[in-house]
N, C-alpha and C. Protein backbone atom coordinates (compact mmCIF):
# COMPACT_ATOMS: atom_id res chain seq x y z
N MET A 1 20.19 9.97 -7.02
CA MET A 1 20.40 8.54 -7.27
C MET A 1 20.23 7.79 -5.96
N TRP A 2 19.33 6.84 -5.93
CA TRP A 2 19.13 6.01 -4.76
C TRP A 2 20.20 4.93 -4.74
N THR A 3 20.70 4.64 -3.57
CA THR A 3 21.68 3.57 -3.40
C THR A 3 21.02 2.47 -2.61
N GLU A 4 20.99 1.26 -3.16
CA GLU A 4 20.40 0.13 -2.46
C GLU A 4 21.45 -0.50 -1.57
N SER A 5 20.98 -0.98 -0.45
CA SER A 5 21.91 -1.61 0.48
C SER A 5 21.15 -2.65 1.28
N ASP A 6 21.86 -3.67 1.70
CA ASP A 6 21.28 -4.69 2.58
C ASP A 6 21.80 -4.46 3.98
N SER A 7 20.97 -4.70 4.95
CA SER A 7 21.39 -4.56 6.33
C SER A 7 20.93 -5.78 7.11
N PRO A 8 21.82 -6.42 7.85
CA PRO A 8 21.39 -7.58 8.63
C PRO A 8 20.44 -7.19 9.75
N ASN A 9 20.32 -5.91 10.07
CA ASN A 9 19.46 -5.46 11.16
C ASN A 9 18.02 -5.20 10.72
N LEU A 10 17.74 -5.26 9.43
CA LEU A 10 16.38 -4.98 8.95
C LEU A 10 15.46 -6.14 9.30
N PRO A 11 14.21 -5.82 9.68
CA PRO A 11 13.25 -6.89 9.89
C PRO A 11 13.03 -7.65 8.58
N PRO A 12 12.64 -8.91 8.66
CA PRO A 12 12.40 -9.69 7.44
C PRO A 12 11.36 -9.01 6.55
N GLY A 13 11.62 -9.02 5.25
CA GLY A 13 10.69 -8.46 4.29
C GLY A 13 10.86 -6.97 4.04
N TRP A 14 11.83 -6.32 4.68
CA TRP A 14 12.08 -4.90 4.48
C TRP A 14 13.42 -4.70 3.79
N SER A 15 13.51 -3.68 2.94
CA SER A 15 14.78 -3.30 2.31
C SER A 15 14.91 -1.79 2.44
N PHE A 16 16.12 -1.28 2.23
CA PHE A 16 16.25 0.17 2.30
C PHE A 16 17.13 0.72 1.20
N THR A 17 16.83 1.99 0.88
CA THR A 17 17.63 2.76 -0.06
C THR A 17 17.85 4.13 0.58
N TYR A 18 18.84 4.84 0.09
CA TYR A 18 19.05 6.20 0.57
C TYR A 18 19.63 7.04 -0.55
N LYS A 19 19.44 8.36 -0.41
CA LYS A 19 20.04 9.28 -1.38
C LYS A 19 20.34 10.59 -0.68
N GLU A 20 21.36 11.27 -1.17
CA GLU A 20 21.70 12.59 -0.67
C GLU A 20 20.82 13.59 -1.41
N VAL A 21 20.06 14.40 -0.66
CA VAL A 21 19.16 15.35 -1.29
C VAL A 21 19.74 16.76 -1.32
N SER A 22 20.69 17.04 -0.46
CA SER A 22 21.45 18.29 -0.51
C SER A 22 22.74 18.03 0.26
N ASN A 23 23.60 19.01 0.35
CA ASN A 23 24.91 18.80 0.97
C ASN A 23 24.80 18.18 2.36
N GLY A 24 25.08 16.90 2.45
CA GLY A 24 25.10 16.20 3.72
C GLY A 24 23.75 15.84 4.30
N VAL A 25 22.68 16.07 3.57
CA VAL A 25 21.34 15.71 4.04
C VAL A 25 20.85 14.53 3.20
N TYR A 26 20.41 13.49 3.89
CA TYR A 26 20.02 12.25 3.23
C TYR A 26 18.56 11.93 3.52
N VAL A 27 17.95 11.22 2.57
CA VAL A 27 16.64 10.62 2.77
C VAL A 27 16.87 9.12 2.76
N VAL A 28 16.40 8.46 3.83
CA VAL A 28 16.47 7.00 3.92
C VAL A 28 15.05 6.49 3.73
N ARG A 29 14.90 5.51 2.85
CA ARG A 29 13.58 4.93 2.55
C ARG A 29 13.63 3.44 2.82
N LEU A 30 12.77 2.99 3.72
CA LEU A 30 12.59 1.57 3.97
C LEU A 30 11.29 1.15 3.31
N GLU A 31 11.30 0.01 2.64
CA GLU A 31 10.11 -0.47 1.94
C GLU A 31 9.89 -1.94 2.27
N SER A 32 8.62 -2.28 2.54
CA SER A 32 8.29 -3.67 2.85
C SER A 32 7.98 -4.41 1.57
N ARG A 33 7.94 -5.72 1.66
CA ARG A 33 7.60 -6.53 0.49
C ARG A 33 6.16 -6.28 0.05
N HIS A 34 5.35 -5.66 0.92
CA HIS A 34 3.96 -5.34 0.59
C HIS A 34 3.82 -3.95 -0.01
N GLY A 35 4.95 -3.22 -0.18
CA GLY A 35 4.89 -1.90 -0.78
C GLY A 35 4.70 -0.76 0.21
N LEU A 36 4.69 -1.07 1.51
CA LEU A 36 4.61 -0.01 2.51
C LEU A 36 5.98 0.63 2.63
N ALA A 37 6.01 1.94 2.84
CA ALA A 37 7.30 2.63 2.87
C ALA A 37 7.35 3.64 4.01
N ILE A 38 8.57 3.84 4.51
CA ILE A 38 8.86 4.86 5.51
C ILE A 38 10.03 5.66 4.97
N GLU A 39 9.91 6.98 4.98
CA GLU A 39 11.02 7.84 4.59
C GLU A 39 11.37 8.76 5.74
N MET A 40 12.66 8.89 6.01
CA MET A 40 13.15 9.78 7.05
C MET A 40 14.34 10.56 6.52
N THR A 41 14.49 11.79 7.00
CA THR A 41 15.54 12.67 6.52
C THR A 41 16.46 13.07 7.66
N GLY A 42 17.76 13.22 7.36
CA GLY A 42 18.73 13.68 8.35
C GLY A 42 20.12 13.69 7.77
N THR A 43 21.09 13.94 8.64
CA THR A 43 22.48 14.05 8.17
C THR A 43 23.29 12.79 8.43
N ASP A 44 22.81 11.91 9.29
CA ASP A 44 23.54 10.69 9.64
C ASP A 44 22.73 9.49 9.17
N VAL A 45 23.14 8.87 8.06
CA VAL A 45 22.39 7.76 7.47
C VAL A 45 22.21 6.63 8.47
N ASP A 46 23.26 6.30 9.23
CA ASP A 46 23.15 5.20 10.20
C ASP A 46 22.12 5.51 11.28
N ALA A 47 22.11 6.74 11.79
CA ALA A 47 21.14 7.12 12.83
C ALA A 47 19.72 7.11 12.27
N ILE A 48 19.56 7.61 11.05
CA ILE A 48 18.23 7.61 10.41
C ILE A 48 17.76 6.18 10.22
N LEU A 49 18.66 5.32 9.76
CA LEU A 49 18.30 3.92 9.53
C LEU A 49 17.89 3.25 10.83
N ARG A 50 18.61 3.51 11.93
CA ARG A 50 18.24 2.92 13.23
C ARG A 50 16.82 3.35 13.62
N GLN A 51 16.50 4.64 13.45
CA GLN A 51 15.16 5.13 13.78
C GLN A 51 14.10 4.48 12.89
N ALA A 52 14.41 4.36 11.61
CA ALA A 52 13.46 3.76 10.68
C ALA A 52 13.24 2.29 11.00
N ILE A 53 14.31 1.58 11.38
CA ILE A 53 14.18 0.16 11.76
C ILE A 53 13.28 0.03 12.98
N GLU A 54 13.44 0.93 13.95
CA GLU A 54 12.55 0.92 15.12
C GLU A 54 11.10 1.09 14.68
N ALA A 55 10.86 1.99 13.72
CA ALA A 55 9.50 2.23 13.23
C ALA A 55 8.95 1.01 12.52
N THR A 56 9.77 0.34 11.69
CA THR A 56 9.28 -0.84 10.98
C THR A 56 8.96 -1.97 11.95
N THR A 57 9.80 -2.12 12.97
CA THR A 57 9.56 -3.15 13.98
C THR A 57 8.24 -2.88 14.68
N ASP A 58 7.98 -1.62 15.01
CA ASP A 58 6.73 -1.26 15.66
C ASP A 58 5.54 -1.49 14.74
N ILE A 59 5.68 -1.14 13.45
CA ILE A 59 4.60 -1.37 12.48
C ILE A 59 4.31 -2.86 12.35
N ASP A 60 5.36 -3.68 12.22
CA ASP A 60 5.17 -5.13 12.10
C ASP A 60 4.47 -5.69 13.34
N ARG A 61 4.85 -5.20 14.53
CA ARG A 61 4.21 -5.67 15.78
C ARG A 61 2.74 -5.27 15.79
N GLN A 62 2.43 -4.02 15.43
CA GLN A 62 1.04 -3.56 15.42
C GLN A 62 0.20 -4.33 14.41
N LEU A 63 0.77 -4.60 13.23
CA LEU A 63 0.02 -5.37 12.23
C LEU A 63 -0.26 -6.78 12.72
N THR A 64 0.71 -7.40 13.38
CA THR A 64 0.51 -8.74 13.92
C THR A 64 -0.62 -8.74 14.94
N GLU A 65 -0.62 -7.73 15.84
CA GLU A 65 -1.69 -7.62 16.84
C GLU A 65 -3.04 -7.38 16.18
N LEU A 66 -3.07 -6.50 15.18
CA LEU A 66 -4.32 -6.19 14.50
C LEU A 66 -4.87 -7.40 13.76
N ARG A 67 -3.98 -8.14 13.08
CA ARG A 67 -4.44 -9.32 12.35
C ARG A 67 -4.95 -10.40 13.31
N ALA A 68 -4.36 -10.48 14.51
CA ALA A 68 -4.85 -11.45 15.50
C ALA A 68 -6.26 -11.07 15.95
N LYS A 69 -6.53 -9.78 16.06
CA LYS A 69 -7.86 -9.32 16.47
C LYS A 69 -8.88 -9.41 15.35
N HIS A 70 -8.40 -9.22 14.10
CA HIS A 70 -9.29 -9.20 12.94
C HIS A 70 -8.75 -10.15 11.88
N PRO A 71 -8.91 -11.45 12.06
CA PRO A 71 -8.37 -12.39 11.07
C PRO A 71 -9.02 -12.19 9.71
N LYS A 72 -8.25 -12.47 8.68
CA LYS A 72 -8.76 -12.36 7.31
C LYS A 72 -9.94 -13.30 7.12
N LYS A 73 -10.90 -12.81 6.40
CA LYS A 73 -12.05 -13.64 6.05
C LYS A 73 -11.90 -14.17 4.63
N HIS A 74 -10.73 -13.98 4.05
CA HIS A 74 -10.51 -14.35 2.66
C HIS A 74 -9.05 -14.69 2.47
N SER A 75 -8.76 -15.45 1.44
CA SER A 75 -7.36 -15.69 1.10
C SER A 75 -6.90 -14.63 0.12
N SER A 76 -7.80 -14.12 -0.66
CA SER A 76 -7.56 -12.99 -1.55
C SER A 76 -8.91 -12.56 -2.07
N ALA A 77 -9.05 -11.29 -2.36
CA ALA A 77 -10.36 -10.78 -2.77
C ALA A 77 -10.80 -11.34 -4.11
N VAL A 78 -9.87 -11.58 -5.00
CA VAL A 78 -10.24 -12.03 -6.33
C VAL A 78 -9.54 -13.35 -6.63
N ARG A 79 -10.32 -14.36 -6.85
CA ARG A 79 -9.81 -15.68 -7.20
C ARG A 79 -10.76 -16.29 -8.23
N PRO A 80 -10.33 -17.30 -8.95
CA PRO A 80 -11.26 -17.94 -9.89
C PRO A 80 -12.55 -18.32 -9.18
N GLY A 81 -13.64 -18.05 -9.82
CA GLY A 81 -14.96 -18.31 -9.22
C GLY A 81 -15.44 -17.15 -8.38
N ASN A 82 -14.55 -16.20 -8.07
CA ASN A 82 -14.92 -15.04 -7.27
C ASN A 82 -14.43 -13.77 -7.97
N THR A 83 -14.35 -13.80 -9.29
CA THR A 83 -13.80 -12.69 -10.05
C THR A 83 -14.90 -11.70 -10.39
N PRO A 84 -14.73 -10.43 -9.95
CA PRO A 84 -15.74 -9.43 -10.31
C PRO A 84 -15.76 -9.23 -11.82
N ASN A 85 -16.93 -8.88 -12.34
CA ASN A 85 -17.06 -8.61 -13.77
C ASN A 85 -16.53 -7.20 -14.04
N PRO A 86 -15.37 -7.08 -14.73
CA PRO A 86 -14.79 -5.76 -14.94
C PRO A 86 -15.60 -4.89 -15.90
N ASN A 87 -16.58 -5.47 -16.60
CA ASN A 87 -17.40 -4.68 -17.51
C ASN A 87 -18.52 -3.94 -16.78
N LEU A 88 -18.77 -4.31 -15.53
CA LEU A 88 -19.79 -3.62 -14.76
C LEU A 88 -19.19 -2.36 -14.14
N PRO A 89 -19.98 -1.31 -14.01
CA PRO A 89 -19.44 -0.11 -13.37
C PRO A 89 -19.07 -0.41 -11.92
N THR A 90 -18.01 0.20 -11.46
CA THR A 90 -17.56 0.02 -10.08
C THR A 90 -18.22 1.10 -9.23
N PRO A 91 -19.09 0.72 -8.28
CA PRO A 91 -19.84 1.72 -7.53
C PRO A 91 -18.91 2.62 -6.72
N MET A 92 -19.27 3.88 -6.65
CA MET A 92 -18.60 4.86 -5.80
C MET A 92 -17.23 5.30 -6.32
N TRP A 93 -16.76 4.76 -7.39
CA TRP A 93 -15.52 5.23 -7.99
C TRP A 93 -15.89 6.30 -9.01
N THR A 94 -15.02 7.27 -9.17
CA THR A 94 -15.23 8.35 -10.13
C THR A 94 -14.16 8.25 -11.20
N GLU A 95 -14.56 8.37 -12.47
CA GLU A 95 -13.58 8.37 -13.55
C GLU A 95 -13.45 9.79 -14.09
N THR A 96 -12.26 10.34 -13.94
CA THR A 96 -11.94 11.68 -14.42
C THR A 96 -10.54 11.66 -14.99
N ASP A 97 -10.35 12.28 -16.14
CA ASP A 97 -9.02 12.38 -16.76
C ASP A 97 -8.33 11.01 -16.86
N ASN A 98 -9.06 10.01 -17.35
CA ASN A 98 -8.51 8.67 -17.54
C ASN A 98 -7.99 8.04 -16.26
N THR A 99 -8.64 8.32 -15.14
CA THR A 99 -8.23 7.77 -13.85
C THR A 99 -9.46 7.47 -13.01
N LEU A 100 -9.51 6.27 -12.42
CA LEU A 100 -10.55 5.95 -11.43
C LEU A 100 -10.05 6.44 -10.07
N THR A 101 -10.90 7.13 -9.33
CA THR A 101 -10.52 7.61 -8.00
C THR A 101 -11.58 7.25 -6.97
N ARG A 102 -11.11 7.03 -5.77
CA ARG A 102 -12.03 6.79 -4.66
C ARG A 102 -11.28 6.98 -3.35
N THR A 103 -12.00 7.44 -2.35
CA THR A 103 -11.45 7.63 -1.00
C THR A 103 -12.30 6.85 -0.01
N PHE A 104 -11.62 6.15 0.90
CA PHE A 104 -12.29 5.37 1.95
C PHE A 104 -11.92 5.96 3.30
N ARG A 105 -12.86 5.86 4.24
CA ARG A 105 -12.63 6.27 5.62
C ARG A 105 -12.84 5.04 6.50
N PHE A 106 -11.91 4.79 7.43
CA PHE A 106 -11.96 3.62 8.30
C PHE A 106 -12.08 4.07 9.76
N PRO A 107 -12.40 3.13 10.66
CA PRO A 107 -12.58 3.51 12.07
C PRO A 107 -11.35 4.18 12.69
N ASP A 108 -10.14 3.73 12.31
CA ASP A 108 -8.93 4.33 12.86
C ASP A 108 -7.74 3.99 11.97
N PHE A 109 -6.57 4.46 12.35
CA PHE A 109 -5.37 4.27 11.54
C PHE A 109 -4.99 2.80 11.42
N LYS A 110 -5.06 2.05 12.51
CA LYS A 110 -4.64 0.65 12.46
C LYS A 110 -5.50 -0.15 11.48
N VAL A 111 -6.79 0.10 11.46
CA VAL A 111 -7.66 -0.61 10.53
C VAL A 111 -7.33 -0.19 9.09
N ALA A 112 -7.12 1.11 8.88
CA ALA A 112 -6.76 1.59 7.54
C ALA A 112 -5.45 0.95 7.08
N PHE A 113 -4.48 0.84 7.97
CA PHE A 113 -3.18 0.28 7.62
C PHE A 113 -3.29 -1.20 7.30
N SER A 114 -4.09 -1.92 8.07
CA SER A 114 -4.29 -3.34 7.80
C SER A 114 -4.98 -3.53 6.45
N PHE A 115 -5.97 -2.70 6.15
CA PHE A 115 -6.63 -2.71 4.85
C PHE A 115 -5.61 -2.50 3.74
N MET A 116 -4.72 -1.52 3.90
CA MET A 116 -3.72 -1.23 2.88
C MET A 116 -2.79 -2.43 2.67
N THR A 117 -2.46 -3.14 3.73
CA THR A 117 -1.61 -4.32 3.61
C THR A 117 -2.30 -5.38 2.76
N ASP A 118 -3.59 -5.58 2.99
CA ASP A 118 -4.32 -6.57 2.19
C ASP A 118 -4.47 -6.11 0.74
N VAL A 119 -4.66 -4.81 0.52
CA VAL A 119 -4.71 -4.30 -0.85
C VAL A 119 -3.36 -4.53 -1.53
N ALA A 120 -2.27 -4.34 -0.80
CA ALA A 120 -0.94 -4.57 -1.38
C ALA A 120 -0.80 -6.03 -1.82
N GLU A 121 -1.27 -6.95 -1.00
CA GLU A 121 -1.21 -8.37 -1.36
C GLU A 121 -2.06 -8.65 -2.60
N GLU A 122 -3.24 -8.05 -2.67
CA GLU A 122 -4.12 -8.25 -3.82
C GLU A 122 -3.51 -7.63 -5.08
N ALA A 123 -2.93 -6.46 -4.95
CA ALA A 123 -2.28 -5.81 -6.10
C ALA A 123 -1.14 -6.67 -6.63
N GLU A 124 -0.38 -7.28 -5.73
CA GLU A 124 0.68 -8.19 -6.15
C GLU A 124 0.09 -9.38 -6.90
N HIS A 125 -1.00 -9.94 -6.36
CA HIS A 125 -1.65 -11.08 -7.01
C HIS A 125 -2.11 -10.71 -8.42
N GLN A 126 -2.71 -9.53 -8.56
CA GLN A 126 -3.22 -9.10 -9.87
C GLN A 126 -2.13 -8.50 -10.75
N GLN A 127 -0.96 -8.25 -10.18
CA GLN A 127 0.13 -7.58 -10.91
C GLN A 127 -0.35 -6.25 -11.49
N HIS A 128 -1.07 -5.51 -10.66
CA HIS A 128 -1.58 -4.19 -11.04
C HIS A 128 -1.56 -3.35 -9.78
N HIS A 129 -0.76 -2.30 -9.76
CA HIS A 129 -0.48 -1.59 -8.51
C HIS A 129 -1.06 -0.19 -8.53
N PRO A 130 -1.79 0.17 -7.48
CA PRO A 130 -2.45 1.47 -7.44
C PRO A 130 -1.50 2.58 -6.97
N TRP A 131 -1.87 3.81 -7.30
CA TRP A 131 -1.32 4.96 -6.58
C TRP A 131 -2.26 5.14 -5.41
N TRP A 132 -1.71 5.38 -4.22
CA TRP A 132 -2.57 5.62 -3.08
C TRP A 132 -1.89 6.54 -2.10
N SER A 133 -2.70 7.10 -1.22
CA SER A 133 -2.17 7.90 -0.13
C SER A 133 -2.96 7.56 1.12
N ASN A 134 -2.35 7.81 2.26
CA ASN A 134 -2.98 7.50 3.53
C ASN A 134 -2.70 8.63 4.50
N GLU A 135 -3.75 9.12 5.15
CA GLU A 135 -3.59 10.05 6.26
C GLU A 135 -4.55 9.61 7.35
N TYR A 136 -3.98 9.19 8.46
CA TYR A 136 -4.70 8.65 9.62
C TYR A 136 -5.66 7.55 9.17
N ASN A 137 -6.97 7.80 9.16
CA ASN A 137 -7.93 6.75 8.84
C ASN A 137 -8.48 6.85 7.41
N VAL A 138 -7.87 7.68 6.58
CA VAL A 138 -8.35 7.91 5.21
C VAL A 138 -7.35 7.34 4.22
N VAL A 139 -7.86 6.56 3.26
CA VAL A 139 -7.02 6.00 2.20
C VAL A 139 -7.65 6.38 0.86
N SER A 140 -6.85 7.00 -0.01
CA SER A 140 -7.33 7.44 -1.32
C SER A 140 -6.58 6.69 -2.42
N PHE A 141 -7.29 6.39 -3.49
CA PHE A 141 -6.72 5.64 -4.62
C PHE A 141 -6.89 6.40 -5.92
N ARG A 142 -5.93 6.18 -6.82
CA ARG A 142 -6.04 6.57 -8.23
C ARG A 142 -5.59 5.37 -9.05
N LEU A 143 -6.45 4.93 -9.96
CA LEU A 143 -6.15 3.75 -10.77
C LEU A 143 -6.18 4.10 -12.25
N HIS A 144 -5.13 3.71 -12.95
CA HIS A 144 -5.10 3.70 -14.42
C HIS A 144 -3.98 2.75 -14.83
N THR A 145 -4.02 2.33 -16.07
CA THR A 145 -3.07 1.32 -16.55
C THR A 145 -1.97 2.01 -17.34
N HIS A 146 -0.76 1.95 -16.81
CA HIS A 146 0.39 2.58 -17.47
C HIS A 146 0.64 1.98 -18.85
N ASP A 147 0.54 0.64 -18.93
CA ASP A 147 0.82 -0.05 -20.20
C ASP A 147 -0.18 0.27 -21.30
N ALA A 148 -1.31 0.87 -20.93
CA ALA A 148 -2.34 1.23 -21.92
C ALA A 148 -2.39 2.74 -22.12
N GLY A 149 -1.27 3.39 -21.89
CA GLY A 149 -1.21 4.83 -22.11
C GLY A 149 -1.90 5.63 -21.02
N ASN A 150 -1.85 5.11 -19.78
CA ASN A 150 -2.46 5.78 -18.63
C ASN A 150 -3.96 6.02 -18.84
N THR A 151 -4.64 4.97 -19.28
CA THR A 151 -6.09 5.01 -19.43
C THR A 151 -6.70 3.97 -18.49
N VAL A 152 -7.99 4.07 -18.30
CA VAL A 152 -8.72 3.11 -17.45
C VAL A 152 -9.02 1.87 -18.29
N THR A 153 -8.68 0.69 -17.76
CA THR A 153 -8.90 -0.58 -18.46
C THR A 153 -9.64 -1.55 -17.54
N ASP A 154 -9.88 -2.75 -18.06
CA ASP A 154 -10.50 -3.81 -17.25
C ASP A 154 -9.66 -4.11 -16.01
N LYS A 155 -8.35 -4.01 -16.13
CA LYS A 155 -7.48 -4.24 -14.96
C LYS A 155 -7.84 -3.29 -13.82
N ASP A 156 -8.10 -2.04 -14.14
CA ASP A 156 -8.42 -1.05 -13.12
C ASP A 156 -9.77 -1.35 -12.47
N HIS A 157 -10.74 -1.74 -13.30
CA HIS A 157 -12.06 -2.07 -12.75
C HIS A 157 -11.99 -3.33 -11.88
N ALA A 158 -11.19 -4.31 -12.28
CA ALA A 158 -11.05 -5.53 -11.47
C ALA A 158 -10.38 -5.21 -10.14
N LEU A 159 -9.32 -4.39 -10.16
CA LEU A 159 -8.66 -4.03 -8.90
C LEU A 159 -9.59 -3.17 -8.05
N ALA A 160 -10.34 -2.26 -8.66
CA ALA A 160 -11.28 -1.44 -7.91
C ALA A 160 -12.33 -2.31 -7.21
N ALA A 161 -12.83 -3.33 -7.90
CA ALA A 161 -13.82 -4.23 -7.29
C ALA A 161 -13.21 -4.98 -6.11
N ALA A 162 -11.96 -5.42 -6.25
CA ALA A 162 -11.30 -6.12 -5.15
C ALA A 162 -11.07 -5.17 -3.98
N ILE A 163 -10.69 -3.93 -4.26
CA ILE A 163 -10.49 -2.93 -3.20
C ILE A 163 -11.81 -2.69 -2.49
N ASP A 164 -12.90 -2.57 -3.23
CA ASP A 164 -14.23 -2.39 -2.62
C ASP A 164 -14.56 -3.53 -1.67
N GLN A 165 -14.29 -4.76 -2.12
CA GLN A 165 -14.59 -5.93 -1.29
C GLN A 165 -13.78 -5.90 0.00
N LEU A 166 -12.49 -5.60 -0.12
CA LEU A 166 -11.64 -5.52 1.08
C LEU A 166 -12.09 -4.38 1.99
N ALA A 167 -12.41 -3.24 1.42
CA ALA A 167 -12.85 -2.09 2.23
C ALA A 167 -14.09 -2.45 3.02
N ALA A 168 -15.01 -3.16 2.40
CA ALA A 168 -16.24 -3.57 3.10
C ALA A 168 -15.92 -4.47 4.28
N GLU A 169 -14.94 -5.37 4.12
CA GLU A 169 -14.55 -6.26 5.20
C GLU A 169 -13.93 -5.52 6.38
N TYR A 170 -13.31 -4.38 6.09
CA TYR A 170 -12.67 -3.59 7.15
C TYR A 170 -13.55 -2.42 7.62
N GLY A 171 -14.77 -2.34 7.13
CA GLY A 171 -15.68 -1.29 7.56
C GLY A 171 -15.39 0.06 6.92
N GLY A 172 -14.77 0.04 5.74
CA GLY A 172 -14.46 1.30 5.05
C GLY A 172 -15.70 1.91 4.43
N GLN A 173 -15.77 3.21 4.47
CA GLN A 173 -16.91 3.94 3.89
C GLN A 173 -16.41 4.94 2.91
């Protein structure tokens, strides 16, 4: 059972939860309003939280620096008048087992992380959230619509098109 808690020491836009995973061992999870998360494990929740707060502060600082170097060229990938046609096939995505999948490679971790932040904003705008993973400069996606019985729908194709557009802006391949 996760326990939600507020902390006055958290950077703006971050919240945290924690749970005991075994006798005296806890997992602390900090999550940003953009869906980015940090999980740390240990025996002292307060010490873990302090370390995680340091990490979030560093992430926020790095994102600010990266955005200053690479300002957005868009307010959002998909807006009226700029809406991809969801009936067209989405290039480079693979549909297997009722799921669209694709992996992107970026120049480095900071660029991949900035891309993920913009995808999080777009997913919020579309109210359709991907499963994704990130390792260094690689970001992988799996898209399907839970409300449609975990099948691929127009929502998935629209989000895939927006992700493609954002990836191109960040040099993703």
